[in-house]
Protein backbone atom coordinates (compact mmCIF):
# COMPACT_ATOMS: atom_id res chain seq x y z
CA UNK A 1 0.00 0.00 0.00
CA UNK A 2 1.38 3.30 -1.04
CA UNK A 3 2.00 6.58 0.65
CA UNK A 4 -1.28 7.99 -0.70
CA UNK A 5 -3.24 5.25 1.08
CA UNK A 6 -1.35 5.77 4.35
CA UNK A 7 -1.93 9.51 4.15
CA UNK A 8 -5.67 9.03 3.58
CA UNK A 9 -5.88 6.54 6.45
CA UNK A 10 -4.06 8.98 8.75
CA UNK A 11 -6.50 11.76 7.89
CA UNK A 12 -9.54 9.56 8.49
CA UNK A 13 -8.13 8.30 11.79
CA UNK A 14 -7.53 11.91 12.79
CA UNK A 15 -11.23 12.68 12.23
CA UNK A 16 -12.14 9.79 14.55
CA UNK A 17 -9.62 11.04 17.11
CA UNK A 18 -11.19 14.54 16.97
CA UNK A 19 -14.49 12.85 17.84
CA UNK A 20 -12.84 11.25 20.85
CA UNK A 21 -11.53 14.63 21.99
CA UNK A 22 -14.91 16.32 21.49
CA UNK A 23 -16.60 13.62 23.56
CA UNK A 24 -13.99 13.96 26.32
CA UNK A 25 -14.48 17.74 26.24
CA UNK A 26 -18.22 17.30 26.83
CA UNK A 27 -19.49 18.04 23.33
CA UNK A 28 -21.25 14.86 22.15
CA UNK A 29 -23.02 16.65 19.28
CA UNK A 30 -19.68 17.66 17.74
CA UNK A 31 -18.24 14.24 18.54
CA UNK A 32 -20.99 12.33 16.76
CA UNK A 33 -20.45 14.47 13.67
CA UNK A 34 -16.74 13.61 13.62
CA UNK A 35 -17.45 9.93 14.24
CA UNK A 36 -20.02 9.79 11.44
CA UNK A 37 -17.68 11.55 9.01
CA UNK A 38 -14.93 9.05 9.69
CA UNK A 39 -17.05 5.92 10.15
CA UNK A 40 -18.03 5.38 6.53
CA UNK A 41 -14.45 5.63 5.27
CA UNK A 42 -13.02 3.59 8.14
CA UNK A 43 -15.45 0.78 7.33
CA UNK A 44 -13.69 0.36 3.98
CA UNK A 45 -10.06 0.47 5.10
CA UNK A 46 -9.62 0.03 8.84
CA UNK A 47 -11.97 -2.33 10.75
CA UNK A 48 -10.46 -1.70 14.20
CA UNK A 49 -10.73 2.05 13.94
CA UNK A 50 -14.21 1.66 12.43
CA UNK A 51 -15.25 -0.29 15.53
CA UNK A 52 -13.85 2.54 17.64
CA UNK A 53 -15.90 5.09 15.70
CA UNK A 54 -19.06 3.01 16.19
CA UNK A 55 -18.28 2.76 19.89
CA UNK A 56 -17.89 6.54 19.97
CA UNK A 57 -21.26 6.99 18.26
CA UNK A 58 -22.83 4.69 20.86
CA UNK A 59 -21.25 6.73 23.66
CA UNK A 60 -22.59 9.93 22.09
CA UNK A 61 -26.08 8.47 21.80
CA UNK A 62 -25.91 7.53 25.47
CA UNK A 63 -24.70 11.01 26.43
CA UNK A 64 -27.43 12.65 24.36
CA UNK A 65 -30.20 10.34 25.58
CA UNK A 66 -31.01 12.66 28.48
CA UNK A 67 -31.22 15.63 26.13
CA UNK A 68 -34.53 16.47 24.42
CA UNK A 69 -32.78 17.22 21.12
CA UNK A 70 -33.62 14.67 18.40
CA UNK A 71 -30.57 12.90 17.01
CA UNK A 72 -30.08 10.82 13.87
CA UNK A 73 -28.72 7.31 14.14
CA UNK A 74 -26.53 6.31 11.18
CA UNK A 75 -28.07 3.36 9.26
CA UNK A 76 -25.08 1.10 9.94
CA UNK A 77 -25.36 1.74 13.68
CA UNK A 78 -29.10 1.14 13.65
CA UNK A 79 -28.47 -2.13 11.82
CA UNK A 80 -26.07 -3.23 14.55
CA UNK A 81 -28.47 -2.20 17.30
CA UNK A 82 -31.62 -3.73 15.85
CA UNK A 83 -30.10 -6.54 13.80
CA UNK A 84 -31.85 -5.51 10.59
CA UNK A 85 -31.46 -3.11 7.62
CA UNK A 86 -33.03 0.36 7.72
CA UNK A 87 -33.39 2.79 4.83
CA UNK A 88 -32.20 6.31 5.47
CA UNK A 89 -31.57 7.72 8.93
CA UNK A 90 -33.71 6.75 11.88
CA UNK A 91 -34.47 9.51 14.36
CA UNK A 92 -34.40 8.94 18.12
CA UNK A 93 -35.91 11.53 20.40
PDB file of N, CA and C in Angstrom:
ATOM      1  N   UNK A   1       0.852  -1.180   0.000  1.00  0.00           N
ATOM      2  CA  UNK A   1       0.000   0.000   0.000  1.00  0.00           C
ATOM      3  C   UNK A   1       0.888   1.231   0.000  1.00  0.00           C
ATOM      4  N   UNK A   2       0.522   2.158  -0.822  1.00  0.00           N
ATOM      5  CA  UNK A   2       1.377   3.303  -1.041  1.00  0.00           C
ATOM      6  C   UNK A   2       1.209   4.411  -0.023  1.00  0.00           C
ATOM      7  N   UNK A   3       2.010   5.413  -0.230  1.00  0.00           N
ATOM      8  CA  UNK A   3       1.999   6.585   0.648  1.00  0.00           C
ATOM      9  C   UNK A   3       0.654   7.305   0.598  1.00  0.00           C
ATOM     10  N   UNK A   4       0.019   7.329  -0.568  1.00  0.00           N
ATOM     11  CA  UNK A   4      -1.283   7.992  -0.699  1.00  0.00           C
ATOM     12  C   UNK A   4      -2.327   7.324   0.205  1.00  0.00           C
ATOM     13  N   UNK A   5      -2.312   5.992   0.226  1.00  0.00           N
ATOM     14  CA  UNK A   5      -3.236   5.245   1.078  1.00  0.00           C
ATOM     15  C   UNK A   5      -2.971   5.536   2.554  1.00  0.00           C
ATOM     16  N   UNK A   6      -1.699   5.508   2.945  1.00  0.00           N
ATOM     17  CA  UNK A   6      -1.352   5.766   4.352  1.00  0.00           C
ATOM     18  C   UNK A   6      -1.735   7.181   4.763  1.00  0.00           C
ATOM     19  N   UNK A   7      -1.563   8.120   3.858  1.00  0.00           N
ATOM     20  CA  UNK A   7      -1.930   9.505   4.148  1.00  0.00           C
ATOM     21  C   UNK A   7      -3.440   9.645   4.336  1.00  0.00           C
ATOM     22  N   UNK A   8      -4.201   8.990   3.469  1.00  0.00           N
ATOM     23  CA  UNK A   8      -5.667   9.028   3.579  1.00  0.00           C
ATOM     24  C   UNK A   8      -6.113   8.380   4.886  1.00  0.00           C
ATOM     25  N   UNK A   9      -5.518   7.237   5.220  1.00  0.00           N
ATOM     26  CA  UNK A   9      -5.878   6.541   6.447  1.00  0.00           C
ATOM     27  C   UNK A   9      -5.565   7.396   7.669  1.00  0.00           C
ATOM     28  N   UNK A  10      -4.418   8.086   7.648  1.00  0.00           N
ATOM     29  CA  UNK A  10      -4.060   8.979   8.748  1.00  0.00           C
ATOM     30  C   UNK A  10      -5.089  10.079   8.930  1.00  0.00           C
ATOM     31  N   UNK A  11      -5.520  10.684   7.832  1.00  0.00           N
ATOM     32  CA  UNK A  11      -6.501  11.760   7.888  1.00  0.00           C
ATOM     33  C   UNK A  11      -7.837  11.274   8.447  1.00  0.00           C
ATOM     34  N   UNK A  12      -8.272  10.102   8.021  1.00  0.00           N
ATOM     35  CA  UNK A  12      -9.544   9.563   8.494  1.00  0.00           C
ATOM     36  C   UNK A  12      -9.454   9.195   9.974  1.00  0.00           C
ATOM     37  N   UNK A  13      -8.323   8.604  10.376  1.00  0.00           N
ATOM     38  CA  UNK A  13      -8.134   8.297  11.788  1.00  0.00           C
ATOM     39  C   UNK A  13      -8.117   9.567  12.624  1.00  0.00           C
ATOM     40  N   UNK A  14      -7.559  10.632  12.079  1.00  0.00           N
ATOM     41  CA  UNK A  14      -7.526  11.911  12.787  1.00  0.00           C
ATOM     42  C   UNK A  14      -8.940  12.421  13.034  1.00  0.00           C
ATOM     43  N   UNK A  15      -9.836  12.265  12.049  1.00  0.00           N
ATOM     44  CA  UNK A  15     -11.234  12.680  12.235  1.00  0.00           C
ATOM     45  C   UNK A  15     -11.883  11.914  13.382  1.00  0.00           C
ATOM     46  N   UNK A  16     -11.601  10.609  13.453  1.00  0.00           N
ATOM     47  CA  UNK A  16     -12.139   9.795  14.548  1.00  0.00           C
ATOM     48  C   UNK A  16     -11.572  10.275  15.876  1.00  0.00           C
ATOM     49  N   UNK A  17     -10.278  10.579  15.898  1.00  0.00           N
ATOM     50  CA  UNK A  17      -9.624  11.041  17.105  1.00  0.00           C
ATOM     51  C   UNK A  17     -10.201  12.383  17.567  1.00  0.00           C
ATOM     52  N   UNK A  18     -10.545  13.261  16.630  1.00  0.00           N
ATOM     53  CA  UNK A  18     -11.190  14.539  16.972  1.00  0.00           C
ATOM     54  C   UNK A  18     -12.527  14.258  17.652  1.00  0.00           C
ATOM     55  N   UNK A  19     -13.251  13.249  17.175  1.00  0.00           N
ATOM     56  CA  UNK A  19     -14.493  12.852  17.836  1.00  0.00           C
ATOM     57  C   UNK A  19     -14.253  12.421  19.269  1.00  0.00           C
ATOM     58  N   UNK A  20     -13.184  11.653  19.490  1.00  0.00           N
ATOM     59  CA  UNK A  20     -12.836  11.246  20.853  1.00  0.00           C
ATOM     60  C   UNK A  20     -12.594  12.459  21.742  1.00  0.00           C
ATOM     61  N   UNK A  21     -11.847  13.426  21.220  1.00  0.00           N
ATOM     62  CA  UNK A  21     -11.533  14.626  21.992  1.00  0.00           C
ATOM     63  C   UNK A  21     -12.781  15.465  22.271  1.00  0.00           C
ATOM     64  N   UNK A  22     -13.665  15.573  21.281  1.00  0.00           N
ATOM     65  CA  UNK A  22     -14.913  16.317  21.490  1.00  0.00           C
ATOM     66  C   UNK A  22     -15.755  15.660  22.574  1.00  0.00           C
ATOM     67  N   UNK A  23     -15.827  14.332  22.547  1.00  0.00           N
ATOM     68  CA  UNK A  23     -16.598  13.617  23.564  1.00  0.00           C
ATOM     69  C   UNK A  23     -15.990  13.818  24.945  1.00  0.00           C
ATOM     70  N   UNK A  24     -14.663  13.733  25.035  1.00  0.00           N
ATOM     71  CA  UNK A  24     -13.992  13.965  26.315  1.00  0.00           C
ATOM     72  C   UNK A  24     -14.185  15.397  26.808  1.00  0.00           C
ATOM     73  N   UNK A  25     -14.304  16.336  25.870  1.00  0.00           N
ATOM     74  CA  UNK A  25     -14.484  17.741  26.237  1.00  0.00           C
ATOM     75  C   UNK A  25     -15.937  18.061  26.590  1.00  0.00           C
ATOM     76  N   UNK A  26     -16.818  17.087  26.454  1.00  0.00           N
ATOM     77  CA  UNK A  26     -18.216  17.299  26.831  1.00  0.00           C
ATOM     78  C   UNK A  26     -19.085  17.819  25.711  1.00  0.00           C
ATOM     79  N   UNK A  27     -18.707  17.573  24.474  1.00  0.00           N
ATOM     80  CA  UNK A  27     -19.487  18.036  23.332  1.00  0.00           C
ATOM     81  C   UNK A  27     -19.894  16.849  22.449  1.00  0.00           C
ATOM     82  N   UNK A  28     -20.872  16.048  22.907  1.00  0.00           N
ATOM     83  CA  UNK A  28     -21.250  14.860  22.145  1.00  0.00           C
ATOM     84  C   UNK A  28     -21.841  15.154  20.768  1.00  0.00           C
ATOM     85  N   UNK A  29     -22.466  16.312  20.598  1.00  0.00           N
ATOM     86  CA  UNK A  29     -23.017  16.652  19.276  1.00  0.00           C
ATOM     87  C   UNK A  29     -21.906  16.831  18.249  1.00  0.00           C
ATOM     88  N   UNK A  30     -20.829  17.508  18.639  1.00  0.00           N
ATOM     89  CA  UNK A  30     -19.681  17.658  17.740  1.00  0.00           C
ATOM     90  C   UNK A  30     -18.979  16.318  17.544  1.00  0.00           C
ATOM     91  N   UNK A  31     -18.906  15.540  18.610  1.00  0.00           N
ATOM     92  CA  UNK A  31     -18.237  14.243  18.538  1.00  0.00           C
ATOM     93  C   UNK A  31     -18.942  13.314  17.566  1.00  0.00           C
ATOM     94  N   UNK A  32     -20.262  13.244  17.641  1.00  0.00           N
ATOM     95  CA  UNK A  32     -20.989  12.328  16.765  1.00  0.00           C
ATOM     96  C   UNK A  32     -20.807  12.731  15.309  1.00  0.00           C
ATOM     97  N   UNK A  33     -20.694  14.003  15.037  1.00  0.00           N
ATOM     98  CA  UNK A  33     -20.449  14.468  13.671  1.00  0.00           C
ATOM     99  C   UNK A  33     -19.090  13.974  13.163  1.00  0.00           C
ATOM    100  N   UNK A  34     -18.068  14.090  14.006  1.00  0.00           N
ATOM    101  CA  UNK A  34     -16.737  13.610  13.622  1.00  0.00           C
ATOM    102  C   UNK A  34     -16.723  12.094  13.443  1.00  0.00           C
ATOM    103  N   UNK A  35     -17.392  11.390  14.348  1.00  0.00           N
ATOM    104  CA  UNK A  35     -17.451   9.933  14.244  1.00  0.00           C
ATOM    105  C   UNK A  35     -18.167   9.505  12.969  1.00  0.00           C
ATOM    106  N   UNK A  36     -19.280  10.147  12.654  1.00  0.00           N
ATOM    107  CA  UNK A  36     -20.024   9.786  11.443  1.00  0.00           C
ATOM    108  C   UNK A  36     -19.200  10.066  10.194  1.00  0.00           C
ATOM    109  N   UNK A  37     -18.501  11.206  10.172  1.00  0.00           N
ATOM    110  CA  UNK A  37     -17.682  11.547   9.009  1.00  0.00           C
ATOM    111  C   UNK A  37     -16.573  10.528   8.782  1.00  0.00           C
ATOM    112  N   UNK A  38     -16.022  10.011   9.844  1.00  0.00           N
ATOM    113  CA  UNK A  38     -14.928   9.050   9.693  1.00  0.00           C
ATOM    114  C   UNK A  38     -15.422   7.618   9.548  1.00  0.00           C
ATOM    115  N   UNK A  39     -16.567   7.308  10.088  1.00  0.00           N
ATOM    116  CA  UNK A  39     -17.046   5.925  10.148  1.00  0.00           C
ATOM    117  C   UNK A  39     -17.197   5.274   8.782  1.00  0.00           C
ATOM    118  N   UNK A  40     -17.776   5.975   7.848  1.00  0.00           N
ATOM    119  CA  UNK A  40     -18.026   5.377   6.535  1.00  0.00           C
ATOM    120  C   UNK A  40     -16.731   5.025   5.814  1.00  0.00           C
ATOM    121  N   UNK A  41     -15.736   5.896   5.909  1.00  0.00           N
ATOM    122  CA  UNK A  41     -14.445   5.626   5.273  1.00  0.00           C
ATOM    123  C   UNK A  41     -13.672   4.550   6.022  1.00  0.00           C
ATOM    124  N   UNK A  42     -13.738   4.589   7.345  1.00  0.00           N
ATOM    125  CA  UNK A  42     -13.019   3.593   8.136  1.00  0.00           C
ATOM    126  C   UNK A  42     -13.563   2.191   7.886  1.00  0.00           C
ATOM    127  N   UNK A  43     -14.850   2.083   7.595  1.00  0.00           N
ATOM    128  CA  UNK A  43     -15.451   0.775   7.329  1.00  0.00           C
ATOM    129  C   UNK A  43     -14.783   0.102   6.137  1.00  0.00           C
ATOM    130  N   UNK A  44     -14.299   0.896   5.200  1.00  0.00           N
ATOM    131  CA  UNK A  44     -13.690   0.357   3.985  1.00  0.00           C
ATOM    132  C   UNK A  44     -12.230  -0.047   4.171  1.00  0.00           C
ATOM    133  N   UNK A  45     -11.516   0.650   5.066  1.00  0.00           N
ATOM    134  CA  UNK A  45     -10.063   0.469   5.095  1.00  0.00           C
ATOM    135  C   UNK A  45      -9.478   0.064   6.442  1.00  0.00           C
ATOM    136  N   UNK A  46     -10.223   0.225   7.523  1.00  0.00           N
ATOM    137  CA  UNK A  46      -9.620   0.030   8.839  1.00  0.00           C
ATOM    138  C   UNK A  46     -10.657  -0.474   9.841  1.00  0.00           C
ATOM    139  N   UNK A  47     -10.889  -1.798   9.915  1.00  0.00           N
ATOM    140  CA  UNK A  47     -11.966  -2.328  10.747  1.00  0.00           C
ATOM    141  C   UNK A  47     -11.836  -2.017  12.241  1.00  0.00           C
ATOM    142  N   UNK A  48     -10.620  -1.998  12.770  1.00  0.00           N
ATOM    143  CA  UNK A  48     -10.461  -1.704  14.197  1.00  0.00           C
ATOM    144  C   UNK A  48     -10.842  -0.264  14.524  1.00  0.00           C
ATOM    145  N   UNK A  49     -10.385   0.652  13.713  1.00  0.00           N
ATOM    146  CA  UNK A  49     -10.732   2.054  13.943  1.00  0.00           C
ATOM    147  C   UNK A  49     -12.212   2.303  13.642  1.00  0.00           C
ATOM    148  N   UNK A  50     -12.777   1.557  12.700  1.00  0.00           N
ATOM    149  CA  UNK A  50     -14.211   1.660  12.428  1.00  0.00           C
ATOM    150  C   UNK A  50     -15.002   1.241  13.657  1.00  0.00           C
ATOM    151  N   UNK A  51     -14.587   0.150  14.294  1.00  0.00           N
ATOM    152  CA  UNK A  51     -15.249  -0.294  15.527  1.00  0.00           C
ATOM    153  C   UNK A  51     -15.149   0.788  16.600  1.00  0.00           C
ATOM    154  N   UNK A  52     -14.009   1.454  16.683  1.00  0.00           N
ATOM    155  CA  UNK A  52     -13.847   2.543  17.639  1.00  0.00           C
ATOM    156  C   UNK A  52     -14.778   3.710  17.353  1.00  0.00           C
ATOM    157  N   UNK A  53     -14.978   4.009  16.070  1.00  0.00           N
ATOM    158  CA  UNK A  53     -15.901   5.091  15.696  1.00  0.00           C
ATOM    159  C   UNK A  53     -17.340   4.715  16.054  1.00  0.00           C
ATOM    160  N   UNK A  54     -17.709   3.463  15.820  1.00  0.00           N
ATOM    161  CA  UNK A  54     -19.060   3.008  16.191  1.00  0.00           C
ATOM    162  C   UNK A  54     -19.252   3.046  17.703  1.00  0.00           C
ATOM    163  N   UNK A  55     -18.213   2.680  18.426  1.00  0.00           N
ATOM    164  CA  UNK A  55     -18.275   2.759  19.886  1.00  0.00           C
ATOM    165  C   UNK A  55     -18.451   4.209  20.333  1.00  0.00           C
ATOM    166  N   UNK A  56     -17.751   5.118  19.666  1.00  0.00           N
ATOM    167  CA  UNK A  56     -17.895   6.538  19.975  1.00  0.00           C
ATOM    168  C   UNK A  56     -19.292   7.043  19.695  1.00  0.00           C
ATOM    169  N   UNK A  57     -19.878   6.593  18.584  1.00  0.00           N
ATOM    170  CA  UNK A  57     -21.256   6.989  18.265  1.00  0.00           C
ATOM    171  C   UNK A  57     -22.199   6.486  19.348  1.00  0.00           C
ATOM    172  N   UNK A  58     -21.992   5.247  19.799  1.00  0.00           N
ATOM    173  CA  UNK A  58     -22.832   4.694  20.860  1.00  0.00           C
ATOM    174  C   UNK A  58     -22.697   5.503  22.149  1.00  0.00           C
ATOM    175  N   UNK A  59     -21.472   5.912  22.470  1.00  0.00           N
ATOM    176  CA  UNK A  59     -21.251   6.730  23.661  1.00  0.00           C
ATOM    177  C   UNK A  59     -21.948   8.081  23.521  1.00  0.00           C
ATOM    178  N   UNK A  60     -21.907   8.656  22.326  1.00  0.00           N
ATOM    179  CA  UNK A  60     -22.591   9.935  22.087  1.00  0.00           C
ATOM    180  C   UNK A  60     -24.099   9.783  22.232  1.00  0.00           C
ATOM    181  N   UNK A  61     -24.642   8.702  21.686  1.00  0.00           N
ATOM    182  CA  UNK A  61     -26.078   8.468  21.800  1.00  0.00           C
ATOM    183  C   UNK A  61     -26.486   8.324  23.262  1.00  0.00           C
ATOM    184  N   UNK A  62     -25.651   7.676  24.036  1.00  0.00           N
ATOM    185  CA  UNK A  62     -25.912   7.534  25.471  1.00  0.00           C
ATOM    186  C   UNK A  62     -25.855   8.895  26.153  1.00  0.00           C
ATOM    187  N   UNK A  63     -24.848   9.681  25.825  1.00  0.00           N
ATOM    188  CA  UNK A  63     -24.701  11.007  26.432  1.00  0.00           C
ATOM    189  C   UNK A  63     -25.848  11.933  26.049  1.00  0.00           C
ATOM    190  N   UNK A  64     -26.343  11.787  24.832  1.00  0.00           N
ATOM    191  CA  UNK A  64     -27.425  12.649  24.358  1.00  0.00           C
ATOM    192  C   UNK A  64     -28.808  12.124  24.719  1.00  0.00           C
ATOM    193  N   UNK A  65     -28.891  10.935  25.300  1.00  0.00           N
ATOM    194  CA  UNK A  65     -30.201  10.344  25.576  1.00  0.00           C
ATOM    195  C   UNK A  65     -30.993  11.117  26.630  1.00  0.00           C
ATOM    196  N   UNK A  66     -30.314  11.855  27.476  1.00  0.00           N
ATOM    197  CA  UNK A  66     -31.009  12.662  28.478  1.00  0.00           C
ATOM    198  C   UNK A  66     -31.412  14.029  27.946  1.00  0.00           C
ATOM    199  N   UNK A  67     -30.927  14.355  26.771  1.00  0.00           N
ATOM    200  CA  UNK A  67     -31.222  15.634  26.127  1.00  0.00           C
ATOM    201  C   UNK A  67     -32.514  15.478  25.323  1.00  0.00           C
ATOM    202  N   UNK A  68     -33.286  16.539  25.193  1.00  0.00           N
ATOM    203  CA  UNK A  68     -34.530  16.473  24.421  1.00  0.00           C
ATOM    204  C   UNK A  68     -34.314  16.724  22.935  1.00  0.00           C
ATOM    205  N   UNK A  69     -33.085  16.958  22.522  1.00  0.00           N
ATOM    206  CA  UNK A  69     -32.777  17.220  21.121  1.00  0.00           C
ATOM    207  C   UNK A  69     -32.830  15.922  20.330  1.00  0.00           C
ATOM    208  N   UNK A  70     -33.613  15.888  19.221  1.00  0.00           N
ATOM    209  CA  UNK A  70     -33.622  14.674  18.403  1.00  0.00           C
ATOM    210  C   UNK A  70     -32.262  14.470  17.731  1.00  0.00           C
ATOM    211  N   UNK A  71     -31.838  13.228  17.642  1.00  0.00           N
ATOM    212  CA  UNK A  71     -30.571  12.904  17.007  1.00  0.00           C
ATOM    213  C   UNK A  71     -30.807  11.825  15.965  1.00  0.00           C
ATOM    214  N   UNK A  72     -29.958  11.808  14.947  1.00  0.00           N
ATOM    215  CA  UNK A  72     -30.083  10.820  13.874  1.00  0.00           C
ATOM    216  C   UNK A  72     -29.084   9.695  14.106  1.00  0.00           C
ATOM    217  N   UNK A  73     -29.570   8.487  14.005  1.00  0.00           N
ATOM    218  CA  UNK A  73     -28.716   7.312  14.143  1.00  0.00           C
ATOM    219  C   UNK A  73     -28.290   6.884  12.747  1.00  0.00           C
ATOM    220  N   UNK A  74     -26.975   6.761  12.490  1.00  0.00           N
ATOM    221  CA  UNK A  74     -26.534   6.306  11.178  1.00  0.00           C
ATOM    222  C   UNK A  74     -27.101   4.919  10.877  1.00  0.00           C
ATOM    223  N   UNK A  75     -27.464   4.651   9.618  1.00  0.00           N
ATOM    224  CA  UNK A  75     -28.068   3.363   9.264  1.00  0.00           C
ATOM    225  C   UNK A  75     -27.233   2.164   9.692  1.00  0.00           C
ATOM    226  N   UNK A  76     -25.898   2.242   9.557  1.00  0.00           N
ATOM    227  CA  UNK A  76     -25.078   1.099   9.938  1.00  0.00           C
ATOM    228  C   UNK A  76     -25.138   0.843  11.439  1.00  0.00           C
ATOM    229  N   UNK A  77     -25.260   1.900  12.237  1.00  0.00           N
ATOM    230  CA  UNK A  77     -25.359   1.742  13.683  1.00  0.00           C
ATOM    231  C   UNK A  77     -26.722   1.159  14.041  1.00  0.00           C
ATOM    232  N   UNK A  78     -27.763   1.658  13.383  1.00  0.00           N
ATOM    233  CA  UNK A  78     -29.100   1.141  13.649  1.00  0.00           C
ATOM    234  C   UNK A  78     -29.174  -0.341  13.303  1.00  0.00           C
ATOM    235  N   UNK A  79     -28.497  -0.725  12.225  1.00  0.00           N
ATOM    236  CA  UNK A  79     -28.469  -2.127  11.818  1.00  0.00           C
ATOM    237  C   UNK A  79     -27.820  -2.977  12.903  1.00  0.00           C
ATOM    238  N   UNK A  80     -26.734  -2.497  13.482  1.00  0.00           N
ATOM    239  CA  UNK A  80     -26.068  -3.230  14.550  1.00  0.00           C
ATOM    240  C   UNK A  80     -26.936  -3.319  15.802  1.00  0.00           C
ATOM    241  N   UNK A  81     -27.639  -2.238  16.111  1.00  0.00           N
ATOM    242  CA  UNK A  81     -28.471  -2.201  17.305  1.00  0.00           C
ATOM    243  C   UNK A  81     -29.683  -3.115  17.154  1.00  0.00           C
ATOM    244  N   UNK A  82     -30.360  -3.007  16.020  1.00  0.00           N
ATOM    245  CA  UNK A  82     -31.616  -3.729  15.853  1.00  0.00           C
ATOM    246  C   UNK A  82     -31.454  -5.078  15.170  1.00  0.00           C
ATOM    247  N   UNK A  83     -30.321  -5.288  14.499  1.00  0.00           N
ATOM    248  CA  UNK A  83     -30.097  -6.540  13.803  1.00  0.00           C
ATOM    249  C   UNK A  83     -30.798  -6.628  12.461  1.00  0.00           C
ATOM    250  N   UNK A  84     -31.196  -5.495  11.894  1.00  0.00           N
ATOM    251  CA  UNK A  84     -31.848  -5.510  10.590  1.00  0.00           C
ATOM    252  C   UNK A  84     -31.514  -4.233   9.826  1.00  0.00           C
ATOM    253  N   UNK A  85     -31.729  -4.253   8.492  1.00  0.00           N
ATOM    254  CA  UNK A  85     -31.461  -3.108   7.622  1.00  0.00           C
ATOM    255  C   UNK A  85     -32.526  -2.029   7.834  1.00  0.00           C
ATOM    256  N   UNK A  86     -32.112  -0.780   7.700  1.00  0.00           N
ATOM    257  CA  UNK A  86     -33.027   0.357   7.715  1.00  0.00           C
ATOM    258  C   UNK A  86     -32.658   1.262   6.545  1.00  0.00           C
ATOM    259  N   UNK A  87     -33.645   1.833   5.903  1.00  0.00           N
ATOM    260  CA  UNK A  87     -33.389   2.786   4.831  1.00  0.00           C
ATOM    261  C   UNK A  87     -33.305   4.188   5.447  1.00  0.00           C
ATOM    262  N   UNK A  88     -32.332   4.929   5.013  1.00  0.00           N
ATOM    263  CA  UNK A  88     -32.200   6.309   5.470  1.00  0.00           C
ATOM    264  C   UNK A  88     -31.747   6.373   6.924  1.00  0.00           C
ATOM    265  N   UNK A  89     -31.936   7.521   7.536  1.00  0.00           N
ATOM    266  CA  UNK A  89     -31.574   7.721   8.925  1.00  0.00           C
ATOM    267  C   UNK A  89     -32.810   7.545   9.799  1.00  0.00           C
ATOM    268  N   UNK A  90     -32.641   6.928  10.922  1.00  0.00           N
ATOM    269  CA  UNK A  90     -33.713   6.755  11.883  1.00  0.00           C
ATOM    270  C   UNK A  90     -33.526   7.784  12.977  1.00  0.00           C
ATOM    271  N   UNK A  91     -34.567   8.469  13.361  1.00  0.00           N
ATOM    272  CA  UNK A  91     -34.468   9.508  14.362  1.00  0.00           C
ATOM    273  C   UNK A  91     -34.880   8.970  15.728  1.00  0.00           C
ATOM    274  N   UNK A  92     -34.082   9.310  16.737  1.00  0.00           N
ATOM    275  CA  UNK A  92     -34.397   8.943  18.116  1.00  0.00           C
ATOM    276  C   UNK A  92     -34.609  10.231  18.873  1.00  0.00           C
ATOM    277  N   UNK A  93     -35.669  10.323  19.619  1.00  0.00           N
ATOM    278  CA  UNK A  93     -35.907  11.525  20.403  1.00  0.00           C
ATOM    279  C   UNK A  93     -35.825  11.214  21.870  1.00  0.00           C
TER     280      UNK A  93
END
